[in-house]
Amino acid sequence: MVDTQTLRREITEILAERDRLFPVRDPQNTAAMKSGLAAYAAALETRRKPGWRPDAVRVGQARAFLPHPIFICGEMKSGTTLLVQLLDGHPNLVVMPGDSHLLADSHKGHTPAPGQEAEWRAYWLHRIVNPTGQHPFWLLGDKDAPYIDFLNYLGYWLGELPPGPRAGFLAAMAAYYCANPTPPAAPRAWVEKTPGNELRLAAALEMNPEGRFVHILRDGRENLASLKTLYQHRGWAWNGRAAIQGLARSLRLALAHQARLGAARYHVLRYEDLLKDPEDEMRKVARQLDLPFDGTLLRPTQNASPAHANSMYAEDQAMGEVLSTRQSRWQATLDSAEQDALLALYYPAAQAAGYRWPVPSRRRWQAIWRTWLRKLTRLASVARLTLEKTTHGD
């Protein structure tokens, strides 16, 4: 039989290194983490007992809150992680840690294909052990029993819930609650966060026409700088113009969705306001979600443990607290073309959300002219290359 205690210690060391490296991802560390967690999942599968029975009280409570979703919306690096961490400790909320990609058309965390149930359970076990790549890890504690319960509840709920493309996620949400040694005291709703949820409003409303939404915005200059830094750390291909268009689209959708559904169902807040006065902003969120205000709404946590700030900068990676101010980095991070594109493509929409940049009108018109000139130059270059390939091909 596998020594799971030793295996857990080895995995914890790997995860601690992952946390130290954040936001950089080391391929060897990632491979070791996946291998260790796969071995742990396989070991726990052998310890599941045929006579296991679910807790009837927990099951009843889960059935009561599952019809009531809350979706966190916003662009990547806009503050969605901080917002969900602040909601995490509320006694009336079950908060799924990390990004679940629930509303995506297809994702491995969704309902498993026949014969792949064990792999699906291993995926969600991984998510509960290491939801974000930062502390805290092992959200169900330092014993095997809750994780075995989690695997058992995954199978139970998958069989209990109506089949559908997202039943697997709902089973995971219910299992996370039912197996949790320290669950919320009186759960009434569940919370899911994936950047870009605002792009999939129709899918969210299809799940529940009465669902509620909280959409967080961030000043596009700092948002873009943080995004660019993330891409650089991860070695991802960077397209500043596309990223700026994404920020503008998210902002426009925030205002459009709020106008469509009403502020009582679609709440929009700004990251800067949340840092400046967390209590006032979280009281507004609580009112919109029809929740009593609770002091836990001011402390970032994951399953009640202090959570690490998901910042690209080491000096801002506070644990279990909201930093009231953040150093401005956009001027040092963004090149002139990106700053121009922000003024041309993002700022006109941002003004509707209350962002006012002290930029002279002449500077804005210059930025607009240069941005479109760059686009025309790129289009001309593409056309020329296409013509050359066509000519040589003939």
Protein backbone atom coordinates (compact mmCIF):
# COMPACT_ATOMS: atom_id res chain seq x y z
CA MET A 1 0.00 0.00 0.00
CA VAL A 2 1.26 3.48 -0.90
CA ASP A 3 2.51 5.57 2.04
CA THR A 4 0.25 8.58 1.49
CA GLN A 5 1.75 10.54 4.38
CA THR A 6 5.17 10.51 2.71
CA LEU A 7 3.57 11.25 -0.65
CA ARG A 8 1.75 14.24 0.81
CA ARG A 9 4.99 15.63 2.25
CA GLU A 10 6.69 15.29 -1.15
CA ILE A 11 3.79 16.98 -2.91
CA THR A 12 3.78 19.78 -0.35
CA GLU A 13 7.46 20.48 -1.02
CA ILE A 14 6.75 20.65 -4.75
CA LEU A 15 3.82 23.00 -4.19
CA ALA A 16 5.88 25.20 -1.86
CA GLU A 17 8.46 25.58 -4.63
CA ARG A 18 5.65 26.43 -7.05
CA ASP A 19 4.51 29.15 -4.70
CA ARG A 20 8.04 30.56 -4.39
CA LEU A 21 8.37 30.66 -8.18
CA PHE A 22 4.99 32.34 -8.76
CA PRO A 23 4.12 33.79 -11.24
CA VAL A 24 6.84 31.92 -13.14
CA ARG A 25 6.02 28.32 -14.05
CA ASP A 26 8.90 25.84 -14.12
CA PRO A 27 8.25 22.84 -16.43
CA GLN A 28 10.07 20.40 -14.16
CA ASN A 29 8.10 21.58 -11.14
CA THR A 30 4.84 21.30 -13.08
CA ALA A 31 5.66 17.77 -14.22
CA ALA A 32 6.59 16.70 -10.70
CA MET A 33 3.39 18.23 -9.30
CA LYS A 34 1.18 16.44 -11.85
CA SER A 35 2.96 13.14 -11.26
CA GLY A 36 2.71 13.41 -7.49
CA LEU A 37 -0.96 14.39 -7.49
CA ALA A 38 -1.81 11.63 -9.96
CA ALA A 39 -0.14 9.12 -7.64
CA TYR A 40 -2.01 10.53 -4.66
CA ALA A 41 -5.36 10.33 -6.47
CA ALA A 42 -4.67 6.73 -7.47
CA ALA A 43 -3.73 5.83 -3.89
CA LEU A 44 -6.93 7.34 -2.52
CA GLU A 45 -9.03 5.49 -5.09
CA THR A 46 -7.84 2.20 -3.59
CA ARG A 47 -9.03 3.35 -0.14
CA ARG A 48 -12.61 4.05 -1.11
CA LYS A 49 -14.96 1.64 0.68
CA PRO A 50 -17.97 0.00 -0.99
CA GLY A 51 -20.16 0.63 2.06
CA TRP A 52 -19.69 4.40 2.10
CA ARG A 53 -22.84 6.46 2.68
CA PRO A 54 -23.31 10.22 2.23
CA ASP A 55 -24.23 12.50 5.11
CA ALA A 56 -27.97 13.16 4.69
CA VAL A 57 -27.80 16.59 6.35
CA ARG A 58 -24.95 17.80 4.14
CA VAL A 59 -26.68 16.43 1.05
CA GLY A 60 -29.88 18.30 1.94
CA GLN A 61 -28.00 21.55 2.47
CA ALA A 62 -26.20 21.15 -0.87
CA ARG A 63 -29.47 20.53 -2.69
CA ALA A 64 -30.79 23.78 -1.24
CA PHE A 65 -27.91 26.02 -2.38
CA LEU A 66 -27.09 24.45 -5.77
CA PRO A 67 -29.89 26.30 -7.63
CA HIS A 68 -28.43 29.69 -6.60
CA PRO A 69 -25.25 30.64 -8.53
CA ILE A 70 -23.17 33.80 -8.31
CA PHE A 71 -20.77 34.44 -11.19
CA ILE A 72 -17.70 36.64 -10.82
CA CYS A 73 -16.86 38.44 -14.06
CA GLY A 74 -13.92 40.51 -15.27
CA GLU A 75 -10.81 40.43 -17.40
CA MET A 76 -7.71 38.51 -16.34
CA LYS A 77 -5.67 40.51 -13.77
CA SER A 78 -8.58 42.87 -13.07
CA GLY A 79 -9.08 41.76 -9.46
CA THR A 80 -11.38 38.74 -9.85
CA THR A 81 -9.18 36.60 -7.58
CA LEU A 82 -9.20 39.18 -4.79
CA LEU A 83 -12.97 39.53 -5.04
CA VAL A 84 -13.62 35.80 -4.82
CA GLN A 85 -11.18 35.50 -1.90
CA LEU A 86 -13.13 38.17 -0.03
CA LEU A 87 -16.39 36.29 -0.61
CA ASP A 88 -14.82 32.97 0.42
CA GLY A 89 -15.33 33.19 4.17
CA HIS A 90 -18.95 34.35 4.20
CA PRO A 91 -21.11 31.87 6.17
CA ASN A 92 -23.80 31.86 3.44
CA LEU A 93 -21.53 31.15 0.46
CA VAL A 94 -19.81 28.07 -0.95
CA VAL A 95 -16.94 29.39 -3.06
CA MET A 96 -15.21 27.14 -5.59
CA PRO A 97 -11.48 27.95 -5.41
CA GLY A 98 -9.54 28.92 -8.53
CA ASP A 99 -10.83 29.21 -12.09
CA SER A 100 -13.25 26.45 -13.10
CA HIS A 101 -13.99 27.48 -16.71
CA LEU A 102 -17.55 26.45 -15.97
CA LEU A 103 -19.16 28.45 -18.78
CA ALA A 104 -16.71 27.40 -21.48
CA ASP A 105 -18.16 25.19 -24.19
CA SER A 106 -15.85 22.32 -23.39
CA HIS A 107 -13.49 21.67 -20.51
CA LYS A 108 -12.01 18.63 -18.83
CA GLY A 109 -13.60 19.61 -15.52
CA HIS A 110 -17.05 19.17 -16.99
CA THR A 111 -19.01 15.93 -16.95
CA PRO A 112 -16.67 12.99 -17.71
CA ALA A 113 -17.04 10.74 -20.71
CA PRO A 114 -18.01 7.14 -19.92
CA GLY A 115 -14.99 5.26 -18.62
CA GLN A 116 -13.12 8.45 -17.63
CA GLU A 117 -14.67 9.00 -14.21
CA ALA A 118 -11.42 8.27 -12.33
CA GLU A 119 -9.51 10.83 -14.41
CA TRP A 120 -12.29 13.36 -13.79
CA ARG A 121 -12.14 12.74 -10.04
CA ALA A 122 -8.35 13.14 -10.13
CA TYR A 123 -8.74 16.47 -11.93
CA TRP A 124 -10.99 17.86 -9.22
CA LEU A 125 -8.83 16.43 -6.43
CA HIS A 126 -5.90 18.30 -7.97
CA ARG A 127 -8.00 21.48 -7.95
CA ILE A 128 -8.82 21.10 -4.24
CA VAL A 129 -5.20 20.38 -3.29
CA ASN A 130 -3.67 23.11 -5.47
CA PRO A 131 -6.31 25.55 -6.75
CA THR A 132 -4.10 28.52 -7.69
CA GLY A 133 -0.42 27.56 -7.44
CA GLN A 134 -0.07 29.68 -4.30
CA HIS A 135 -0.68 29.14 -0.60
CA PRO A 136 -2.91 27.82 0.85
CA PHE A 137 -2.75 24.23 -0.39
CA TRP A 138 -4.64 21.12 0.79
CA LEU A 139 -7.90 22.99 1.34
CA LEU A 140 -9.58 20.04 3.06
CA GLY A 141 -6.84 19.69 5.68
CA ASP A 142 -3.81 17.50 6.31
CA LYS A 143 -5.53 14.08 6.57
CA ASP A 144 -6.55 11.66 3.84
CA ALA A 145 -10.10 11.10 5.05
CA PRO A 146 -11.70 14.33 3.72
CA TYR A 147 -10.14 13.79 0.30
CA ILE A 148 -11.45 10.22 0.16
CA ASP A 149 -14.84 11.62 1.13
CA PHE A 150 -14.47 14.18 -1.66
CA LEU A 151 -13.90 11.40 -4.22
CA ASN A 152 -16.90 9.50 -2.86
CA TYR A 153 -19.14 12.56 -3.00
CA LEU A 154 -18.01 13.30 -6.55
CA GLY A 155 -19.34 9.92 -7.65
CA TYR A 156 -22.48 10.26 -5.57
CA TRP A 157 -23.44 13.69 -6.93
CA LEU A 158 -22.63 12.80 -10.51
CA GLY A 159 -25.26 10.07 -10.22
CA GLU A 160 -27.76 12.26 -8.39
CA LEU A 161 -27.79 15.40 -10.53
CA PRO A 162 -29.66 15.63 -13.84
CA PRO A 163 -27.28 14.87 -16.72
CA GLY A 164 -26.04 17.83 -18.67
CA PRO A 165 -22.89 19.50 -20.02
CA ARG A 166 -22.10 21.13 -16.66
CA ALA A 167 -23.34 18.50 -14.24
CA GLY A 168 -19.74 17.52 -13.52
CA PHE A 169 -18.95 20.96 -12.17
CA LEU A 170 -22.08 21.03 -10.01
CA ALA A 171 -21.13 17.60 -8.66
CA ALA A 172 -17.68 18.98 -7.77
CA MET A 173 -19.20 22.04 -6.10
CA ALA A 174 -21.53 19.89 -3.99
CA ALA A 175 -18.75 17.41 -3.19
CA TYR A 176 -16.43 20.21 -2.08
CA TYR A 177 -19.06 21.39 0.37
CA CYS A 178 -20.09 17.94 1.62
CA ALA A 179 -16.52 16.73 2.25
CA ASN A 180 -15.30 19.97 3.80
CA PRO A 181 -14.34 19.62 7.49
CA THR A 182 -14.94 23.38 7.95
CA PRO A 183 -17.87 24.26 5.67
CA PRO A 184 -19.79 27.55 5.68
CA ALA A 185 -22.33 27.54 8.48
CA ALA A 186 -25.50 28.30 6.52
CA PRO A 187 -24.92 28.02 2.75
CA ARG A 188 -27.44 29.75 0.53
CA ALA A 189 -25.57 30.17 -2.78
CA TRP A 190 -22.38 29.17 -4.56
CA VAL A 191 -19.74 31.33 -6.23
CA GLU A 192 -17.77 30.60 -9.40
CA LYS A 193 -14.97 32.72 -10.88
CA THR A 194 -13.32 32.49 -14.27
CA PRO A 195 -11.93 35.56 -16.07
CA GLY A 196 -14.07 36.32 -19.09
CA ASN A 197 -17.35 35.05 -17.65
CA GLU A 198 -18.97 38.20 -19.01
CA LEU A 199 -18.41 36.83 -22.52
CA ARG A 200 -20.68 33.89 -21.72
CA LEU A 201 -23.70 35.54 -20.14
CA ALA A 202 -26.09 33.43 -22.22
CA ALA A 203 -24.55 30.20 -20.90
CA ALA A 204 -24.82 31.48 -17.31
CA LEU A 205 -28.47 32.45 -17.75
CA GLU A 206 -29.18 29.09 -19.34
CA MET A 207 -27.91 27.43 -16.16
CA ASN A 208 -30.12 29.68 -14.05
CA PRO A 209 -32.16 32.60 -15.42
CA GLU A 210 -32.12 34.16 -11.94
CA GLY A 211 -28.36 33.93 -11.39
CA ARG A 212 -26.48 36.94 -10.02
CA PHE A 213 -23.27 38.53 -11.24
CA VAL A 214 -20.50 40.69 -9.83
CA HIS A 215 -18.22 42.27 -12.43
CA ILE A 216 -14.96 43.93 -11.40
CA LEU A 217 -13.21 46.51 -13.57
CA ARG A 218 -9.69 47.89 -13.30
CA ASP A 219 -7.96 50.92 -14.76
CA GLY A 220 -6.84 49.67 -18.16
CA ARG A 221 -3.32 51.00 -17.83
CA GLU A 222 -2.52 48.97 -14.72
CA ASN A 223 -4.57 46.01 -15.94
CA LEU A 224 -2.61 45.89 -19.20
CA ALA A 225 0.73 46.26 -17.41
CA SER A 226 -0.11 43.35 -15.10
CA LEU A 227 -1.27 41.23 -18.03
CA LYS A 228 1.89 41.95 -20.00
CA THR A 229 4.04 41.04 -17.01
CA LEU A 230 2.16 37.73 -16.61
CA TYR A 231 2.68 36.87 -20.28
CA GLN A 232 6.38 37.67 -19.98
CA HIS A 233 6.76 35.47 -16.91
CA ARG A 234 4.97 32.55 -18.56
CA GLY A 235 6.65 32.93 -21.95
CA TRP A 236 3.32 33.38 -23.74
CA ALA A 237 3.02 35.21 -27.05
CA TRP A 238 2.00 38.80 -26.34
CA ASN A 239 -0.34 40.91 -28.49
CA GLY A 240 -0.86 44.25 -26.79
CA ARG A 241 -3.50 45.49 -29.20
CA ALA A 242 -5.62 42.35 -28.77
CA ALA A 243 -5.29 42.59 -24.99
CA ILE A 244 -6.43 46.24 -25.05
CA GLN A 245 -9.41 45.34 -27.20
CA GLY A 246 -10.27 42.63 -24.67
CA LEU A 247 -10.16 45.12 -21.81
CA ALA A 248 -12.43 47.53 -23.68
CA ARG A 249 -14.84 44.74 -24.59
CA SER A 250 -15.09 43.59 -20.96
CA LEU A 251 -15.79 47.15 -19.82
CA ARG A 252 -18.50 47.68 -22.43
CA LEU A 253 -20.10 44.34 -21.55
CA ALA A 254 -20.12 45.25 -17.85
CA LEU A 255 -22.23 48.32 -18.54
CA ALA A 256 -24.40 46.59 -21.15
CA HIS A 257 -25.15 43.59 -18.93
CA GLN A 258 -25.96 45.85 -16.01
CA ALA A 259 -28.34 47.84 -18.17
CA ARG A 260 -30.00 44.64 -19.37
CA LEU A 261 -30.32 42.77 -16.06
CA GLY A 262 -30.39 45.70 -13.65
CA ALA A 263 -27.93 46.62 -10.90
CA ALA A 264 -29.73 44.34 -8.44
CA ARG A 265 -28.57 41.31 -10.43
CA TYR A 266 -25.47 42.58 -12.23
CA HIS A 267 -23.25 44.59 -9.91
CA VAL A 268 -20.24 46.47 -11.30
CA LEU A 269 -17.41 47.71 -9.09
CA ARG A 270 -13.94 49.10 -9.67
CA TYR A 271 -10.78 47.50 -8.35
CA GLU A 272 -9.39 50.88 -7.30
CA ASP A 273 -12.48 51.60 -5.19
CA LEU A 274 -12.21 48.17 -3.57
CA LEU A 275 -8.62 48.86 -2.49
CA LYS A 276 -9.46 52.36 -1.28
CA ASP A 277 -12.46 51.38 0.87
CA PRO A 278 -12.92 47.60 1.09
CA GLU A 279 -15.70 47.76 3.67
CA ASP A 280 -17.86 50.18 1.72
CA GLU A 281 -17.46 48.23 -1.53
CA MET A 282 -18.06 44.83 0.08
CA ARG A 283 -21.15 46.16 1.85
CA LYS A 284 -22.48 47.10 -1.59
CA VAL A 285 -21.68 43.64 -2.90
CA ALA A 286 -23.39 42.02 0.09
CA ARG A 287 -26.53 44.10 -0.46
CA GLN A 288 -26.60 43.19 -4.14
CA LEU A 289 -26.27 39.49 -3.29
CA ASP A 290 -28.91 39.79 -0.56
CA LEU A 291 -26.43 38.73 2.13
CA PRO A 292 -25.88 40.11 5.60
CA PHE A 293 -22.59 41.94 5.90
CA ASP A 294 -19.97 39.85 7.68
CA GLY A 295 -16.46 40.75 8.79
CA THR A 296 -15.08 37.86 6.73
CA LEU A 297 -15.82 39.93 3.62
CA LEU A 298 -12.77 42.04 4.45
CA ARG A 299 -10.28 39.15 4.70
CA PRO A 300 -9.00 37.29 1.61
CA THR A 301 -9.20 33.56 2.29
CA GLN A 302 -9.49 30.15 0.66
CA ASN A 303 -11.67 27.84 2.72
CA ALA A 304 -11.07 30.12 5.72
CA SER A 305 -7.26 30.03 5.43
CA PRO A 306 -5.46 33.32 4.65
CA ALA A 307 -5.01 33.59 0.90
CA HIS A 308 -2.03 34.84 -1.08
CA ALA A 309 -2.58 37.87 -3.29
CA ASN A 310 -2.50 36.87 -6.97
CA SER A 311 -0.13 39.70 -7.89
CA MET A 312 2.58 39.71 -10.54
CA TYR A 313 4.85 41.65 -8.18
CA ALA A 314 6.46 40.15 -5.09
CA GLU A 315 6.03 43.30 -3.00
CA ASP A 316 2.25 43.15 -3.52
CA GLN A 317 1.81 39.48 -2.67
CA ALA A 318 0.26 40.04 0.74
CA MET A 319 -1.22 37.13 2.68
CA GLY A 320 -4.71 37.44 4.11
CA GLU A 321 -5.07 41.20 3.73
CA VAL A 322 -6.13 43.85 1.23
CA LEU A 323 -3.34 46.28 0.37
CA SER A 324 -4.88 49.76 0.32
CA THR A 325 -2.49 51.01 -2.37
CA ARG A 326 -0.51 49.49 -5.22
CA GLN A 327 2.52 50.96 -6.94
CA SER A 328 1.76 52.31 -10.40
CA ARG A 329 3.80 50.42 -13.00
CA TRP A 330 2.15 51.04 -16.34
CA GLN A 331 4.49 53.80 -17.51
CA ALA A 332 7.55 51.63 -16.96
CA THR A 333 5.93 48.50 -18.44
CA LEU A 334 3.98 49.64 -21.50
CA ASP A 335 5.69 50.83 -24.66
CA SER A 336 4.58 53.90 -26.60
CA ALA A 337 2.45 51.90 -29.05
CA GLU A 338 0.56 50.25 -26.17
CA GLN A 339 0.02 53.58 -24.42
CA ASP A 340 -1.29 55.06 -27.67
CA ALA A 341 -3.60 52.10 -28.24
CA LEU A 342 -5.01 52.44 -24.72
CA LEU A 343 -5.96 56.04 -25.43
CA ALA A 344 -7.40 55.21 -28.85
CA LEU A 345 -9.18 51.91 -28.21
CA TYR A 346 -9.87 51.70 -24.46
CA TYR A 347 -10.17 55.14 -22.93
CA PRO A 348 -13.35 56.27 -24.76
CA ALA A 349 -15.24 53.32 -23.26
CA ALA A 350 -13.53 53.68 -19.86
CA GLN A 351 -14.91 57.15 -19.34
CA ALA A 352 -18.43 55.69 -19.13
CA ALA A 353 -17.24 53.68 -16.10
CA GLY A 354 -15.88 56.78 -14.37
CA TYR A 355 -12.23 56.54 -15.36
CA ARG A 356 -10.83 60.01 -16.06
CA TRP A 357 -7.23 60.24 -17.17
CA PRO A 358 -5.52 63.65 -17.11
CA VAL A 359 -4.65 63.54 -20.80
CA PRO A 360 -4.79 66.65 -23.03
CA SER A 361 -7.10 66.40 -26.03
CA ARG A 362 -4.17 66.91 -28.40
CA ARG A 363 -2.34 63.92 -26.90
CA ARG A 364 -5.42 61.74 -27.40
CA TRP A 365 -5.81 62.69 -31.04
CA GLN A 366 -2.12 62.01 -31.65
CA ALA A 367 -2.54 58.58 -30.04
CA ILE A 368 -5.57 57.81 -32.20
CA TRP A 369 -3.74 58.86 -35.37
CA ARG A 370 -0.61 56.85 -34.55
CA THR A 371 -2.63 53.77 -33.55
CA TRP A 372 -4.53 53.66 -36.82
CA LEU A 373 -1.40 54.45 -38.83
CA ARG A 374 0.29 51.45 -37.22
CA LYS A 375 -2.70 49.29 -38.09
CA LEU A 376 -2.70 50.43 -41.71
CA THR A 377 1.05 49.77 -41.90
CA ARG A 378 0.54 46.24 -40.59
CA LEU A 379 -2.31 45.59 -43.02
CA ALA A 380 -0.21 46.85 -45.92
CA SER A 381 2.65 44.59 -44.84
CA VAL A 382 0.35 41.56 -44.66
CA ALA A 383 -1.13 42.39 -48.07
CA ARG A 384 2.35 42.69 -49.56
CA LEU A 385 3.48 39.34 -48.13
CA THR A 386 0.29 37.67 -49.36
CA LEU A 387 0.82 39.08 -52.83
CA GLU A 388 4.44 37.91 -52.86
CA LYS A 389 3.45 34.37 -51.82
CA THR A 390 0.72 34.31 -54.48
CA THR A 391 3.12 35.56 -57.16
CA HIS A 392 5.84 33.07 -56.24
CA GLY A 393 3.26 30.32 -56.07
CA ASP A 394 2.22 31.04 -59.64
